[in-house]
Amino acid sequence: MDLLLYIPDIAAMAAIYILFLHQHWSKCRPGAHFLFYLCTCFIFLVTLSPFIMDIPHLFSGMVSRYNFDPFVDLLNGYGSPLQECIENIVLFIPFAFACRMSEKTSLWKTLLLGILYSLLIETVQPLISTIRVFDITDIITNACGALIGAFLYSLYIRLFPGKEA
């Protein structure tokens, strides 16, 4: 893995935060918003990067495989599906927790945002590369992670009242 390929993506995310989000978010719960942005960027880096370097190849993956059979890899033992499921769940737990902390969204709205973000990622993946695949299992496991993270935030505010952010 060549880390230099990630520099344009990281620079673009930093510029977006500095130029557009920091001033708006600094007025209300800046720490929570920054944490949410970091979680969002981390998911982007893990799932889609290097994106900017792939722009010349945009739509090259249109003939890529799309997987609409949930958990087919797990059932058939392809690759390391259990590890991928666990990673997808863990990836979205801090995202949902930080989303609820920064925006004060409901558990169900946070779950919906997690599903939509996951759907966006899965839709873009085959468009930017011939080796990336749309996988319904990823959406399901990401949604599970978002639900766990949203629930953990509910638990957090019950255990620590007044610490909402």
Protein backbone atom coordinates (compact mmCIF):
# COMPACT_ATOMS: atom_id res chain seq x y z
CA MET A 1 0.00 0.00 0.00
CA ASP A 2 1.48 3.31 -1.10
CA LEU A 3 0.61 5.94 1.51
CA LEU A 4 1.44 8.76 -0.89
CA LEU A 5 -1.74 7.93 -2.81
CA TYR A 6 -3.78 8.97 0.23
CA ILE A 7 -2.25 12.45 0.59
CA PRO A 8 -4.61 14.16 -1.93
CA ASP A 9 -7.66 12.67 -0.19
CA ILE A 10 -6.47 13.71 3.26
CA ALA A 11 -5.58 17.20 1.98
CA ALA A 12 -9.03 17.55 0.39
CA MET A 13 -10.79 16.46 3.60
CA ALA A 14 -8.68 18.89 5.66
CA ALA A 15 -9.47 21.72 3.24
CA ILE A 16 -13.20 20.95 3.37
CA TYR A 17 -13.12 21.10 7.16
CA ILE A 18 -11.03 24.26 7.38
CA LEU A 19 -12.77 26.20 4.60
CA PHE A 20 -16.38 25.16 5.07
CA LEU A 21 -17.17 23.28 8.27
CA HIS A 22 -14.98 24.65 11.05
CA GLN A 23 -16.51 28.12 11.16
CA HIS A 24 -20.08 26.79 11.08
CA TRP A 25 -19.48 24.02 13.62
CA SER A 26 -17.39 26.11 16.03
CA LYS A 27 -20.56 27.79 17.30
CA CYS A 28 -22.22 24.67 18.68
CA ARG A 29 -20.55 21.50 20.03
CA PRO A 30 -17.29 21.92 18.06
CA GLY A 31 -15.62 18.88 19.65
CA ALA A 32 -18.55 16.61 18.85
CA HIS A 33 -18.76 17.88 15.27
CA PHE A 34 -15.03 17.43 14.77
CA LEU A 35 -15.25 13.86 16.11
CA PHE A 36 -18.14 13.13 13.74
CA TYR A 37 -16.13 14.55 10.81
CA LEU A 38 -13.10 12.45 11.78
CA CYS A 39 -15.25 9.30 11.87
CA THR A 40 -16.78 10.15 8.50
CA CYS A 41 -13.34 10.78 6.98
CA PHE A 42 -11.92 7.59 8.46
CA ILE A 43 -14.72 5.54 6.90
CA PHE A 44 -14.11 7.32 3.60
CA LEU A 45 -10.37 6.57 3.75
CA VAL A 46 -10.92 2.91 4.65
CA THR A 47 -13.60 2.24 2.05
CA LEU A 48 -12.98 4.55 -0.90
CA SER A 49 -9.44 5.90 -0.83
CA PRO A 50 -7.41 6.64 -2.74
CA PHE A 51 -10.35 8.39 -4.41
CA ILE A 52 -8.80 11.49 -5.99
CA MET A 53 -6.12 9.36 -7.64
CA ASP A 54 -8.90 7.12 -9.04
CA ILE A 55 -10.87 9.96 -10.65
CA PRO A 56 -9.24 9.37 -14.07
CA HIS A 57 -10.61 5.81 -13.87
CA LEU A 58 -14.11 6.89 -12.87
CA PHE A 59 -16.73 4.51 -14.24
CA SER A 60 -14.07 1.95 -15.17
CA GLY A 61 -15.73 -0.52 -12.83
CA MET A 62 -19.17 -0.36 -14.40
CA VAL A 63 -18.87 -4.04 -15.33
CA SER A 64 -17.85 -4.97 -11.81
CA ARG A 65 -19.62 -7.63 -9.87
CA TYR A 66 -22.58 -6.56 -7.75
CA ASN A 67 -23.52 -8.77 -4.84
CA PHE A 68 -27.17 -8.66 -3.79
CA ASP A 69 -27.07 -11.99 -1.93
CA PRO A 70 -26.67 -11.19 1.77
CA PHE A 71 -23.89 -13.06 3.57
CA VAL A 72 -23.13 -15.29 0.56
CA ASP A 73 -19.38 -15.00 1.29
CA LEU A 74 -19.96 -16.03 4.89
CA LEU A 75 -22.17 -18.95 3.91
CA ASN A 76 -19.77 -20.19 1.22
CA GLY A 77 -16.55 -19.42 3.08
CA TYR A 78 -15.07 -17.04 0.47
CA GLY A 79 -12.12 -14.99 1.71
CA SER A 80 -12.37 -13.91 5.34
CA PRO A 81 -16.04 -12.94 5.53
CA LEU A 82 -16.45 -13.06 9.31
CA GLN A 83 -13.55 -10.65 9.75
CA GLU A 84 -15.05 -8.32 7.10
CA CYS A 85 -18.45 -8.39 8.83
CA ILE A 86 -16.88 -7.55 12.19
CA GLU A 87 -14.77 -4.78 10.65
CA ASN A 88 -17.83 -3.24 8.99
CA ILE A 89 -19.77 -3.30 12.24
CA VAL A 90 -16.89 -1.78 14.22
CA LEU A 91 -16.33 0.87 11.53
CA PHE A 92 -19.81 2.35 11.95
CA ILE A 93 -20.09 2.28 15.76
CA PRO A 94 -18.07 5.49 16.36
CA PHE A 95 -19.72 7.11 13.31
CA ALA A 96 -23.20 6.66 14.79
CA PHE A 97 -22.11 7.59 18.32
CA ALA A 98 -20.48 10.81 17.08
CA CYS A 99 -23.44 11.56 14.82
CA ARG A 100 -25.85 11.45 17.74
CA MET A 101 -23.46 13.44 19.90
CA SER A 102 -22.92 16.22 17.35
CA GLU A 103 -26.35 16.55 15.79
CA LYS A 104 -28.62 15.28 18.58
CA THR A 105 -30.32 12.94 16.13
CA SER A 106 -32.67 10.19 17.22
CA LEU A 107 -31.57 6.58 17.25
CA TRP A 108 -33.64 5.83 14.14
CA LYS A 109 -32.48 8.90 12.21
CA THR A 110 -28.89 7.95 13.00
CA LEU A 111 -29.54 4.43 11.74
CA LEU A 112 -31.01 5.88 8.54
CA LEU A 113 -27.97 8.16 8.08
CA GLY A 114 -25.67 5.17 8.59
CA ILE A 115 -27.57 3.16 5.98
CA LEU A 116 -27.53 6.06 3.51
CA TYR A 117 -23.79 6.66 4.00
CA SER A 118 -23.14 2.95 3.55
CA LEU A 119 -25.32 2.89 0.41
CA LEU A 120 -23.38 5.85 -0.97
CA ILE A 121 -20.07 4.09 -0.33
CA GLU A 122 -21.25 0.81 -1.86
CA THR A 123 -22.63 2.62 -4.91
CA VAL A 124 -19.41 4.56 -5.52
CA GLN A 125 -17.00 1.64 -5.00
CA PRO A 126 -17.67 -0.17 -8.29
CA LEU A 127 -17.67 3.14 -10.17
CA ILE A 128 -14.07 3.96 -9.27
CA SER A 129 -12.43 0.58 -9.57
CA THR A 130 -12.77 -2.79 -11.24
CA ILE A 131 -11.78 -4.59 -8.03
CA ARG A 132 -14.31 -2.91 -5.72
CA VAL A 133 -17.77 -4.42 -5.43
CA PHE A 134 -21.25 -3.32 -4.34
CA ASP A 135 -22.07 -5.74 -1.52
CA ILE A 136 -25.41 -5.85 0.28
CA THR A 137 -23.73 -7.61 3.20
CA ASP A 138 -21.62 -4.49 3.82
CA ILE A 139 -24.75 -2.33 4.00
CA ILE A 140 -26.37 -4.73 6.46
CA THR A 141 -23.30 -4.97 8.70
CA ASN A 142 -22.66 -1.22 8.52
CA ALA A 143 -26.29 -0.68 9.57
CA CYS A 144 -25.75 -3.04 12.50
CA GLY A 145 -22.72 -0.99 13.53
CA ALA A 146 -24.71 2.24 13.22
CA LEU A 147 -27.49 0.78 15.35
CA ILE A 148 -25.01 -0.36 18.01
CA GLY A 149 -23.29 3.06 18.03
CA ALA A 150 -26.63 4.88 18.27
CA PHE A 151 -27.71 2.59 21.10
CA LEU A 152 -24.40 3.09 22.92
CA TYR A 153 -24.94 6.85 22.79
CA SER A 154 -28.38 6.35 24.37
CA LEU A 155 -26.73 4.28 27.07
CA TYR A 156 -24.02 6.91 27.52
CA ILE A 157 -26.47 9.76 28.12
CA ARG A 158 -28.40 7.61 30.61
CA LEU A 159 -25.25 6.67 32.52
CA PHE A 160 -23.78 10.19 32.38
CA PRO A 161 -26.65 12.69 32.40
CA GLY A 162 -25.59 16.20 31.45
CA LYS A 163 -22.58 14.92 29.47
CA GLU A 164 -24.35 14.93 26.08
CA ALA A 165 -21.62 17.16 24.58
